Amino acid sequence: MTVTAEQIVESHKANMETLFGLTAKAFEGVEKLIELNITASKAALADASAVSKATLSVKDAQELLALQASLFQPLAEKTAAYNRHLYDITSSTGAEFGKAFEAKIAEGQKTFVNLVDSAAKNAPAGSETAVGALKSMVAAGNNAFDSVQKALKQASDLAESNFNAMSSQAVNATKTATRAKR
């Protein structure tokens, strides 16, 4: 298999397109993070203002305790929502990078298999065993890579479900604690 100058140029163009596409995705992720943090900061400032005003209008210790208890549940819910948005942004950006990585790996595997096939066609007589062994190694490597990808996907899904469960438990625990204090 002979590589031509046009193939090298096309490969370089494809790699550059992938690079610029991933750079754009990274900037989108950063923009979303900045937007999330600005929104959260504005909400925190508004909440601080409201809490300060409410605290200044408290008449006795009992009212102060009730005010404090009423603040825990919304704070836990807002924290869980922020963490959920943060997780969504990072996981979607990471998924885009993962897709690009998988596509490049698949492209590389295809190219390598084509190279092995081409070499097999041009191999001298009597080298069928060596070519067969090489093809077998390539197939085993591809299978191993596919297994790793599946395991990573399962681990990612498990981490996401654990994150969701943990967030729900934290909010529910805060709700229960807030009700118990009242």
Protein backbone atom coordinates (compact mmCIF):
# COMPACT_ATOMS: atom_id res chain seq x y z
CA MET A 1 0.00 0.00 0.00
CA THR A 2 1.57 3.26 -1.13
CA VAL A 3 0.73 6.50 0.64
CA THR A 4 0.43 9.44 -1.72
CA ALA A 5 0.95 13.12 -1.03
CA GLU A 6 -2.78 13.71 -1.52
CA GLN A 7 -3.60 11.12 1.15
CA ILE A 8 -1.21 12.79 3.57
CA VAL A 9 -2.76 16.21 2.87
CA GLU A 10 -6.30 14.83 3.27
CA SER A 11 -5.33 13.14 6.52
CA HIS A 12 -3.80 16.38 7.79
CA LYS A 13 -6.94 18.32 6.81
CA ALA A 14 -9.16 15.81 8.61
CA ASN A 15 -6.97 16.02 11.73
CA MET A 16 -7.10 19.82 11.67
CA GLU A 17 -10.90 19.77 11.31
CA THR A 18 -11.11 17.43 14.27
CA LEU A 19 -8.79 19.64 16.31
CA PHE A 20 -10.75 22.81 15.56
CA GLY A 21 -14.04 21.03 16.18
CA LEU A 22 -12.86 19.83 19.58
CA THR A 23 -11.50 23.27 20.41
CA ALA A 24 -14.91 24.76 19.61
CA LYS A 25 -16.58 22.15 21.84
CA ALA A 26 -14.15 22.94 24.65
CA PHE A 27 -14.95 26.65 24.37
CA GLU A 28 -18.68 25.86 24.40
CA GLY A 29 -18.16 23.90 27.61
CA VAL A 30 -16.21 26.77 29.18
CA GLU A 31 -18.92 29.25 28.11
CA LYS A 32 -21.58 27.07 29.74
CA LEU A 33 -19.51 26.85 32.94
CA ILE A 34 -19.07 30.61 33.02
CA GLU A 35 -22.80 31.15 32.41
CA LEU A 36 -23.66 28.65 35.17
CA ASN A 37 -21.30 30.36 37.63
CA ILE A 38 -22.59 33.83 36.79
CA THR A 39 -26.18 32.68 37.27
CA ALA A 40 -25.27 30.95 40.54
CA SER A 41 -23.39 34.05 41.75
CA LYS A 42 -26.34 36.32 40.98
CA ALA A 43 -28.71 33.96 42.78
CA ALA A 44 -26.34 33.73 45.77
CA LEU A 45 -26.13 37.53 45.96
CA ALA A 46 -29.91 37.86 45.81
CA ASP A 47 -30.28 35.17 48.48
CA ALA A 48 -27.71 36.84 50.71
CA SER A 49 -29.58 40.11 50.41
CA ALA A 50 -32.91 38.48 51.28
CA VAL A 51 -31.40 36.58 54.22
CA SER A 52 -29.74 39.73 55.53
CA LYS A 53 -33.01 41.65 55.40
CA ALA A 54 -34.88 38.78 57.04
CA THR A 55 -32.23 38.47 59.76
CA LEU A 56 -32.44 42.18 60.54
CA SER A 57 -36.20 41.94 60.96
CA VAL A 58 -36.02 39.07 63.50
CA LYS A 59 -37.55 39.96 66.85
CA ASP A 60 -36.38 37.10 69.10
CA ALA A 61 -34.20 33.99 69.28
CA GLN A 62 -37.09 31.64 68.43
CA GLU A 63 -37.78 33.53 65.21
CA LEU A 64 -34.05 33.47 64.37
CA LEU A 65 -33.92 29.67 64.80
CA ALA A 66 -36.98 29.26 62.60
CA LEU A 67 -35.39 31.47 59.95
CA GLN A 68 -32.18 29.45 60.02
CA ALA A 69 -34.08 26.17 59.75
CA SER A 70 -36.03 27.46 56.76
CA LEU A 71 -32.82 28.26 54.89
CA PHE A 72 -31.31 24.76 54.86
CA GLN A 73 -33.70 23.05 52.44
CA PRO A 74 -33.52 25.66 49.65
CA LEU A 75 -29.74 25.80 50.03
CA ALA A 76 -29.44 22.02 49.65
CA GLU A 77 -31.76 22.04 46.63
CA LYS A 78 -29.82 24.86 44.97
CA THR A 79 -26.51 23.14 45.67
CA ALA A 80 -27.82 19.88 44.20
CA ALA A 81 -29.15 21.72 41.13
CA TYR A 82 -25.83 23.51 40.63
CA ASN A 83 -23.90 20.25 40.93
CA ARG A 84 -26.30 18.58 38.49
CA HIS A 85 -25.80 21.36 35.91
CA LEU A 86 -22.05 21.21 36.43
CA TYR A 87 -22.06 17.45 35.95
CA ASP A 88 -24.21 17.75 32.80
CA ILE A 89 -21.87 20.32 31.26
CA THR A 90 -18.71 18.36 32.00
CA SER A 91 -20.15 15.00 30.96
CA SER A 92 -21.57 16.32 27.68
CA THR A 93 -18.28 18.03 26.83
CA GLY A 94 -16.38 14.89 27.77
CA ALA A 95 -18.75 12.80 25.65
CA GLU A 96 -17.96 14.96 22.62
CA PHE A 97 -14.26 14.39 23.16
CA GLY A 98 -14.92 10.68 23.65
CA LYS A 99 -16.83 10.43 20.38
CA ALA A 100 -14.04 12.15 18.49
CA PHE A 101 -11.45 9.88 20.13
CA GLU A 102 -13.47 6.76 19.27
CA ALA A 103 -13.88 7.92 15.66
CA LYS A 104 -10.14 8.48 15.30
CA ILE A 105 -9.36 5.11 16.88
CA ALA A 106 -11.84 3.39 14.53
CA GLU A 107 -10.27 5.20 11.57
CA GLY A 108 -6.79 4.14 12.69
CA GLN A 109 -7.92 0.55 13.17
CA LYS A 110 -9.45 0.49 9.69
CA THR A 111 -6.29 1.92 8.16
CA PHE A 112 -4.13 -0.61 9.98
CA VAL A 113 -6.38 -3.53 8.92
CA ASN A 114 -6.19 -2.29 5.32
CA LEU A 115 -2.40 -2.12 5.63
CA VAL A 116 -2.25 -5.67 6.98
CA ASP A 117 -4.55 -6.89 4.19
CA SER A 118 -2.40 -5.15 1.59
CA ALA A 119 0.75 -6.64 3.08
CA ALA A 120 -0.89 -10.07 3.11
CA LYS A 121 -1.70 -9.81 -0.59
CA ASN A 122 1.89 -8.88 -1.37
CA ALA A 123 3.50 -11.32 1.05
CA PRO A 124 5.82 -13.97 -0.34
CA ALA A 125 4.62 -17.53 -0.61
CA GLY A 126 4.86 -19.52 2.63
CA SER A 127 4.17 -16.52 4.91
CA GLU A 128 0.48 -17.33 5.34
CA THR A 129 1.03 -18.46 8.94
CA ALA A 130 2.76 -15.20 9.91
CA VAL A 131 0.07 -13.14 8.15
CA GLY A 132 -2.64 -15.19 9.88
CA ALA A 133 -0.98 -14.61 13.25
CA LEU A 134 -0.72 -10.87 12.57
CA LYS A 135 -4.40 -10.70 11.58
CA SER A 136 -5.30 -12.64 14.72
CA MET A 137 -3.32 -10.19 16.89
CA VAL A 138 -5.02 -7.23 15.23
CA ALA A 139 -8.45 -8.78 15.82
CA ALA A 140 -7.57 -9.53 19.45
CA GLY A 141 -6.37 -5.94 19.95
CA ASN A 142 -9.58 -4.58 18.45
CA ASN A 143 -11.67 -6.86 20.67
CA ALA A 144 -9.72 -5.79 23.75
CA PHE A 145 -10.22 -2.12 22.87
CA ASP A 146 -13.96 -2.69 22.38
CA SER A 147 -14.15 -4.44 25.77
CA VAL A 148 -12.39 -1.53 27.47
CA GLN A 149 -14.76 0.95 25.81
CA LYS A 150 -17.79 -1.03 27.01
CA ALA A 151 -16.38 -1.24 30.54
CA LEU A 152 -15.73 2.51 30.60
CA LYS A 153 -19.27 3.19 29.39
CA GLN A 154 -20.69 0.97 32.13
CA ALA A 155 -18.53 2.67 34.75
CA SER A 156 -19.65 6.08 33.50
CA ASP A 157 -23.31 5.05 33.64
CA LEU A 158 -22.84 3.68 37.16
CA ALA A 159 -21.11 6.88 38.30
CA GLU A 160 -23.95 8.97 36.89
CA SER A 161 -26.62 6.90 38.61
CA ASN A 162 -24.67 7.06 41.90
CA PHE A 163 -24.33 10.83 41.51
CA ASN A 164 -28.09 11.18 40.93
CA ALA A 165 -28.89 8.97 43.91
CA MET A 166 -26.47 10.86 46.15
CA SER A 167 -27.95 14.22 45.13
CA SER A 168 -31.48 13.01 45.80
CA GLN A 169 -30.48 11.59 49.18
CA ALA A 170 -28.78 14.82 50.20
CA VAL A 171 -31.83 16.91 49.33
CA ASN A 172 -34.19 14.45 51.05
CA ALA A 173 -32.00 14.34 54.16
CA THR A 174 -32.02 18.13 54.32
CA LYS A 175 -35.81 18.19 53.92
CA THR A 176 -36.16 15.66 56.75
CA ALA A 177 -33.75 17.57 59.00
CA THR A 178 -35.51 20.86 58.27
CA ARG A 179 -38.93 19.36 59.13
CA ALA A 180 -37.52 17.88 62.35
CA LYS A 181 -36.23 21.28 63.49
CA ARG A 182 -39.61 22.95 63.02
